[in-house]
Amino acid sequence: MNFDQLPEFDKDLKCLLKKYRTLNDDLLVVKQVLEVFPEERPPFSFRIDNLGISTCVIKVKKIACKSLKGRGVNSGFRLVYAYFSDEQKIVFIELFHKSVKENEDRERILKHFL
């Protein structure tokens, strides 16, 4: 599986790393899981529908972060990525903490995958 990320994702990650220093390690674990299970897996991840595009965009709702000690996987981060099964490729689109933002940036998704 090949992983790539949008420049906006890099900015999201850089900003979050200031507060959540284990996030890079936590994302490595997520990548290991996505190599085995790249498609949606409710209740952990869901396909984002009604975008009007053919690209498979998935939102991961349960990401364990060591920096959020004792709060469990429901406490925090959301990861949005595009999955290209033919190419065996995943492109990270957005990473955010659910307390800061409730939903994904649909404009960003459409800008890059329309």
N, C-alpha and C. Protein backbone atom coordinates (compact mmCIF):
# COMPACT_ATOMS: atom_id res chain seq x y z
N MET A 1 0.85 -1.18 0.00
CA MET A 1 0.00 0.00 0.00
C MET A 1 0.89 1.24 0.00
N ASN A 2 0.60 2.17 -0.87
CA ASN A 2 1.33 3.44 -0.93
C ASN A 2 0.52 4.51 -0.21
N PHE A 3 1.21 5.32 0.58
CA PHE A 3 0.57 6.40 1.31
C PHE A 3 1.10 7.74 0.81
N ASP A 4 0.18 8.69 0.68
CA ASP A 4 0.52 10.04 0.27
C ASP A 4 -0.33 10.98 1.12
N GLN A 5 0.00 12.24 1.11
CA GLN A 5 -0.81 13.21 1.86
C GLN A 5 -0.81 14.55 1.16
N LEU A 6 -1.93 15.22 1.30
CA LEU A 6 -2.09 16.55 0.72
C LEU A 6 -1.26 17.56 1.52
N PRO A 7 -0.85 18.66 0.89
CA PRO A 7 -0.12 19.71 1.62
C PRO A 7 -0.93 20.25 2.81
N GLU A 8 -2.25 20.33 2.64
CA GLU A 8 -3.10 20.80 3.75
C GLU A 8 -3.06 19.82 4.92
N PHE A 9 -2.96 18.53 4.62
CA PHE A 9 -2.85 17.53 5.68
C PHE A 9 -1.55 17.73 6.45
N ASP A 10 -0.47 18.01 5.73
CA ASP A 10 0.81 18.28 6.39
C ASP A 10 0.70 19.44 7.38
N LYS A 11 -0.02 20.48 6.98
CA LYS A 11 -0.23 21.64 7.86
C LYS A 11 -1.05 21.25 9.08
N ASP A 12 -2.13 20.46 8.85
CA ASP A 12 -2.95 19.98 9.97
C ASP A 12 -2.08 19.23 10.97
N LEU A 13 -1.29 18.30 10.45
CA LEU A 13 -0.45 17.46 11.30
C LEU A 13 0.58 18.28 12.06
N LYS A 14 1.23 19.20 11.39
CA LYS A 14 2.24 20.04 12.03
C LYS A 14 1.65 20.83 13.19
N CYS A 15 0.48 21.36 12.97
CA CYS A 15 -0.19 22.14 14.02
C CYS A 15 -0.58 21.25 15.20
N LEU A 16 -1.12 20.07 14.92
CA LEU A 16 -1.54 19.16 15.99
C LEU A 16 -0.36 18.57 16.76
N LEU A 17 0.77 18.39 16.09
CA LEU A 17 1.94 17.82 16.75
C LEU A 17 2.47 18.71 17.87
N LYS A 18 2.20 19.99 17.82
CA LYS A 18 2.63 20.90 18.88
C LYS A 18 1.98 20.53 20.21
N LYS A 19 0.75 20.09 20.15
CA LYS A 19 0.01 19.76 21.35
C LYS A 19 0.01 18.25 21.64
N TYR A 20 -0.01 17.44 20.58
CA TYR A 20 -0.09 15.98 20.73
C TYR A 20 1.16 15.36 20.13
N ARG A 21 2.21 15.26 20.93
CA ARG A 21 3.53 14.87 20.44
C ARG A 21 3.62 13.42 19.97
N THR A 22 2.71 12.56 20.36
CA THR A 22 2.77 11.15 19.94
C THR A 22 2.01 10.89 18.64
N LEU A 23 1.49 11.92 18.03
CA LEU A 23 0.62 11.75 16.87
C LEU A 23 1.30 11.06 15.68
N ASN A 24 2.57 11.34 15.45
CA ASN A 24 3.28 10.64 14.36
C ASN A 24 3.31 9.13 14.60
N ASP A 25 3.61 8.73 15.83
CA ASP A 25 3.62 7.30 16.16
C ASP A 25 2.23 6.71 16.05
N ASP A 26 1.24 7.46 16.48
CA ASP A 26 -0.14 6.98 16.39
C ASP A 26 -0.57 6.80 14.94
N LEU A 27 -0.12 7.70 14.06
CA LEU A 27 -0.44 7.57 12.64
C LEU A 27 0.25 6.37 12.00
N LEU A 28 1.41 5.99 12.50
CA LEU A 28 2.08 4.78 12.00
C LEU A 28 1.22 3.55 12.29
N VAL A 29 0.61 3.52 13.46
CA VAL A 29 -0.29 2.41 13.81
C VAL A 29 -1.49 2.41 12.87
N VAL A 30 -2.04 3.59 12.61
CA VAL A 30 -3.18 3.70 11.70
C VAL A 30 -2.80 3.18 10.32
N LYS A 31 -1.61 3.54 9.85
CA LYS A 31 -1.15 3.07 8.54
C LYS A 31 -1.04 1.55 8.50
N GLN A 32 -0.57 0.96 9.58
CA GLN A 32 -0.47 -0.50 9.64
C GLN A 32 -1.85 -1.15 9.52
N VAL A 33 -2.82 -0.57 10.17
CA VAL A 33 -4.19 -1.08 10.10
C VAL A 33 -4.74 -0.89 8.69
N LEU A 34 -4.50 0.28 8.10
CA LEU A 34 -5.03 0.56 6.77
C LEU A 34 -4.40 -0.31 5.69
N GLU A 35 -3.18 -0.77 5.91
CA GLU A 35 -2.57 -1.70 4.95
C GLU A 35 -3.36 -3.00 4.87
N VAL A 36 -3.94 -3.42 5.99
CA VAL A 36 -4.71 -4.66 6.04
C VAL A 36 -6.18 -4.43 5.73
N PHE A 37 -6.74 -3.35 6.27
CA PHE A 37 -8.17 -3.03 6.10
C PHE A 37 -8.34 -1.61 5.57
N PRO A 38 -8.08 -1.37 4.29
CA PRO A 38 -8.15 0.01 3.77
C PRO A 38 -9.57 0.52 3.54
N GLU A 39 -10.54 -0.36 3.44
CA GLU A 39 -11.90 0.08 3.17
C GLU A 39 -12.63 0.39 4.47
N GLU A 40 -13.84 0.92 4.35
CA GLU A 40 -14.60 1.30 5.54
C GLU A 40 -14.88 0.08 6.42
N ARG A 41 -14.89 0.34 7.73
CA ARG A 41 -15.15 -0.71 8.71
C ARG A 41 -15.97 -0.13 9.86
N PRO A 42 -17.29 0.00 9.65
CA PRO A 42 -18.11 0.51 10.76
C PRO A 42 -17.93 -0.36 11.99
N PRO A 43 -17.89 0.17 13.16
CA PRO A 43 -18.13 1.56 13.57
C PRO A 43 -16.86 2.42 13.59
N PHE A 44 -15.74 1.87 13.14
CA PHE A 44 -14.48 2.62 13.20
C PHE A 44 -14.31 3.62 12.07
N SER A 45 -14.80 3.27 10.91
CA SER A 45 -14.66 4.18 9.77
C SER A 45 -15.87 4.06 8.85
N PHE A 46 -16.16 5.16 8.17
CA PHE A 46 -17.34 5.24 7.31
C PHE A 46 -16.98 5.92 6.00
N ARG A 47 -17.62 5.49 4.93
CA ARG A 47 -17.45 6.16 3.65
C ARG A 47 -18.26 7.46 3.69
N ILE A 48 -17.68 8.54 3.18
CA ILE A 48 -18.38 9.83 3.12
C ILE A 48 -19.13 9.86 1.80
N ASP A 49 -20.44 9.86 1.88
CA ASP A 49 -21.29 9.86 0.69
C ASP A 49 -21.74 11.27 0.34
N ASN A 50 -22.48 11.37 -0.76
CA ASN A 50 -23.09 12.62 -1.23
C ASN A 50 -22.07 13.70 -1.56
N LEU A 51 -20.91 13.27 -2.05
CA LEU A 51 -19.90 14.24 -2.48
C LEU A 51 -19.99 14.52 -3.97
N GLY A 52 -20.62 13.61 -4.71
CA GLY A 52 -20.73 13.78 -6.15
C GLY A 52 -19.45 13.42 -6.90
N ILE A 53 -18.59 12.62 -6.27
CA ILE A 53 -17.36 12.19 -6.92
C ILE A 53 -17.26 10.67 -6.85
N SER A 54 -16.46 10.09 -7.74
CA SER A 54 -16.33 8.63 -7.77
C SER A 54 -15.26 8.12 -6.81
N THR A 55 -14.39 9.00 -6.35
CA THR A 55 -13.32 8.60 -5.43
C THR A 55 -13.91 8.14 -4.10
N CYS A 56 -13.38 7.05 -3.58
CA CYS A 56 -13.82 6.52 -2.29
C CYS A 56 -13.13 7.32 -1.18
N VAL A 57 -13.91 8.14 -0.46
CA VAL A 57 -13.38 8.95 0.63
C VAL A 57 -13.93 8.39 1.94
N ILE A 58 -13.02 8.10 2.87
CA ILE A 58 -13.39 7.44 4.11
C ILE A 58 -12.95 8.29 5.30
N LYS A 59 -13.79 8.29 6.32
CA LYS A 59 -13.50 9.03 7.56
C LYS A 59 -13.31 8.01 8.69
N VAL A 60 -12.14 8.05 9.30
CA VAL A 60 -11.85 7.19 10.45
C VAL A 60 -12.23 7.95 11.70
N LYS A 61 -13.10 7.36 12.51
CA LYS A 61 -13.61 8.06 13.69
C LYS A 61 -12.94 7.63 14.98
N LYS A 62 -12.22 6.53 14.95
CA LYS A 62 -11.65 6.03 16.21
C LYS A 62 -10.15 5.86 16.07
N ILE A 63 -9.43 6.88 16.48
CA ILE A 63 -7.97 6.85 16.44
C ILE A 63 -7.46 6.99 17.87
N ALA A 64 -6.75 5.98 18.34
CA ALA A 64 -6.17 6.05 19.67
C ALA A 64 -4.92 6.92 19.63
N CYS A 65 -4.81 7.82 20.56
CA CYS A 65 -3.65 8.71 20.64
C CYS A 65 -3.06 8.62 22.04
N LYS A 66 -1.78 8.28 22.12
CA LYS A 66 -1.13 8.13 23.42
C LYS A 66 -1.10 9.45 24.20
N SER A 67 -1.13 10.57 23.50
CA SER A 67 -1.13 11.87 24.17
C SER A 67 -2.44 12.16 24.88
N LEU A 68 -3.47 11.42 24.55
CA LEU A 68 -4.78 11.57 25.20
C LEU A 68 -4.97 10.44 26.20
N LYS A 69 -4.07 10.34 27.14
CA LYS A 69 -4.05 9.24 28.09
C LYS A 69 -5.38 9.08 28.82
N GLY A 70 -5.85 7.85 28.87
CA GLY A 70 -7.03 7.52 29.65
C GLY A 70 -8.35 7.96 29.06
N ARG A 71 -8.34 8.49 27.86
CA ARG A 71 -9.59 8.96 27.29
C ARG A 71 -10.14 8.02 26.22
N GLY A 72 -9.37 7.02 25.83
CA GLY A 72 -9.87 6.03 24.86
C GLY A 72 -9.89 6.53 23.44
N VAL A 73 -10.33 5.66 22.53
CA VAL A 73 -10.31 5.98 21.11
C VAL A 73 -11.42 6.93 20.70
N ASN A 74 -12.45 7.09 21.51
CA ASN A 74 -13.55 7.99 21.15
C ASN A 74 -13.24 9.44 21.46
N SER A 75 -12.12 9.70 22.08
CA SER A 75 -11.87 11.02 22.61
C SER A 75 -11.44 12.05 21.60
N GLY A 76 -11.01 11.61 20.42
CA GLY A 76 -10.43 12.71 19.74
C GLY A 76 -10.29 12.87 18.28
N PHE A 77 -9.48 12.16 17.63
CA PHE A 77 -9.08 12.53 16.28
C PHE A 77 -9.92 11.87 15.20
N ARG A 78 -10.03 12.60 14.11
CA ARG A 78 -10.72 12.12 12.92
C ARG A 78 -9.72 12.22 11.76
N LEU A 79 -9.68 11.18 10.96
CA LEU A 79 -8.80 11.15 9.80
C LEU A 79 -9.65 10.91 8.57
N VAL A 80 -9.45 11.75 7.55
CA VAL A 80 -10.17 11.60 6.29
C VAL A 80 -9.15 11.26 5.22
N TYR A 81 -9.45 10.20 4.46
CA TYR A 81 -8.53 9.80 3.40
C TYR A 81 -9.27 9.30 2.18
N ALA A 82 -8.58 9.34 1.05
CA ALA A 82 -9.11 8.82 -0.21
C ALA A 82 -8.41 7.49 -0.47
N TYR A 83 -9.21 6.48 -0.85
CA TYR A 83 -8.67 5.15 -1.11
C TYR A 83 -8.85 4.80 -2.58
N PHE A 84 -7.75 4.49 -3.23
CA PHE A 84 -7.76 4.08 -4.63
C PHE A 84 -7.39 2.60 -4.68
N SER A 85 -8.39 1.74 -4.77
CA SER A 85 -8.16 0.29 -4.69
C SER A 85 -7.36 -0.24 -5.87
N ASP A 86 -7.59 0.31 -7.06
CA ASP A 86 -6.87 -0.16 -8.25
C ASP A 86 -5.36 0.09 -8.14
N GLU A 87 -5.01 1.21 -7.56
CA GLU A 87 -3.60 1.59 -7.44
C GLU A 87 -3.00 1.17 -6.10
N GLN A 88 -3.83 0.63 -5.20
CA GLN A 88 -3.39 0.32 -3.84
C GLN A 88 -2.71 1.54 -3.22
N LYS A 89 -3.48 2.64 -3.21
CA LYS A 89 -2.95 3.92 -2.75
C LYS A 89 -3.96 4.58 -1.82
N ILE A 90 -3.44 5.22 -0.78
CA ILE A 90 -4.24 6.00 0.16
C ILE A 90 -3.64 7.40 0.23
N VAL A 91 -4.51 8.40 0.10
CA VAL A 91 -4.08 9.80 0.20
C VAL A 91 -4.77 10.40 1.43
N PHE A 92 -3.96 10.82 2.41
CA PHE A 92 -4.51 11.46 3.60
C PHE A 92 -4.94 12.88 3.23
N ILE A 93 -6.19 13.20 3.57
CA ILE A 93 -6.77 14.48 3.20
C ILE A 93 -6.80 15.45 4.37
N GLU A 94 -7.25 14.94 5.51
CA GLU A 94 -7.48 15.85 6.65
C GLU A 94 -7.34 15.10 7.96
N LEU A 95 -6.82 15.78 8.96
CA LEU A 95 -6.71 15.26 10.32
C LEU A 95 -7.14 16.38 11.25
N PHE A 96 -8.08 16.07 12.15
CA PHE A 96 -8.54 17.10 13.07
C PHE A 96 -9.03 16.48 14.37
N HIS A 97 -9.06 17.31 15.40
CA HIS A 97 -9.59 16.88 16.70
C HIS A 97 -11.07 17.22 16.72
N LYS A 98 -11.87 16.29 17.18
CA LYS A 98 -13.32 16.49 17.09
C LYS A 98 -13.83 17.63 17.97
N SER A 99 -13.06 18.04 18.97
CA SER A 99 -13.52 19.16 19.80
C SER A 99 -13.34 20.49 19.08
N VAL A 100 -12.47 20.53 18.09
CA VAL A 100 -12.21 21.76 17.34
C VAL A 100 -13.14 21.87 16.14
N LYS A 101 -13.45 20.75 15.54
CA LYS A 101 -14.20 20.73 14.31
C LYS A 101 -15.06 19.47 14.28
N GLU A 102 -16.31 19.62 13.87
CA GLU A 102 -17.21 18.48 13.92
C GLU A 102 -17.18 17.63 12.65
N ASN A 103 -17.11 18.28 11.49
CA ASN A 103 -17.19 17.55 10.22
C ASN A 103 -15.99 17.84 9.33
N GLU A 104 -15.84 16.96 8.34
CA GLU A 104 -14.75 17.08 7.38
C GLU A 104 -14.93 18.30 6.49
N ASP A 105 -13.84 18.73 5.88
CA ASP A 105 -13.83 19.87 4.98
C ASP A 105 -14.17 19.37 3.57
N ARG A 106 -15.43 19.44 3.22
CA ARG A 106 -15.88 18.93 1.92
C ARG A 106 -15.29 19.74 0.77
N GLU A 107 -15.04 21.01 0.98
CA GLU A 107 -14.43 21.84 -0.06
C GLU A 107 -13.03 21.34 -0.39
N ARG A 108 -12.28 20.96 0.62
CA ARG A 108 -10.94 20.44 0.40
C ARG A 108 -10.99 19.14 -0.39
N ILE A 109 -11.92 18.29 -0.04
CA ILE A 109 -12.07 17.00 -0.74
C ILE A 109 -12.41 17.25 -2.22
N LEU A 110 -13.38 18.09 -2.46
CA LEU A 110 -13.79 18.37 -3.84
C LEU A 110 -12.69 19.08 -4.63
N LYS A 111 -11.95 19.94 -3.98
CA LYS A 111 -10.88 20.68 -4.65
C LYS A 111 -9.84 19.72 -5.24
N HIS A 112 -9.54 18.65 -4.52
CA HIS A 112 -8.49 17.74 -4.95
C HIS A 112 -8.95 16.51 -5.71
N PHE A 113 -10.23 16.15 -5.57
CA PHE A 113 -10.67 14.88 -6.15
C PHE A 113 -11.86 14.98 -7.09
N LEU A 114 -12.25 16.18 -7.46
CA LEU A 114 -13.38 16.36 -8.38
C LEU A 114 -12.93 16.19 -9.80
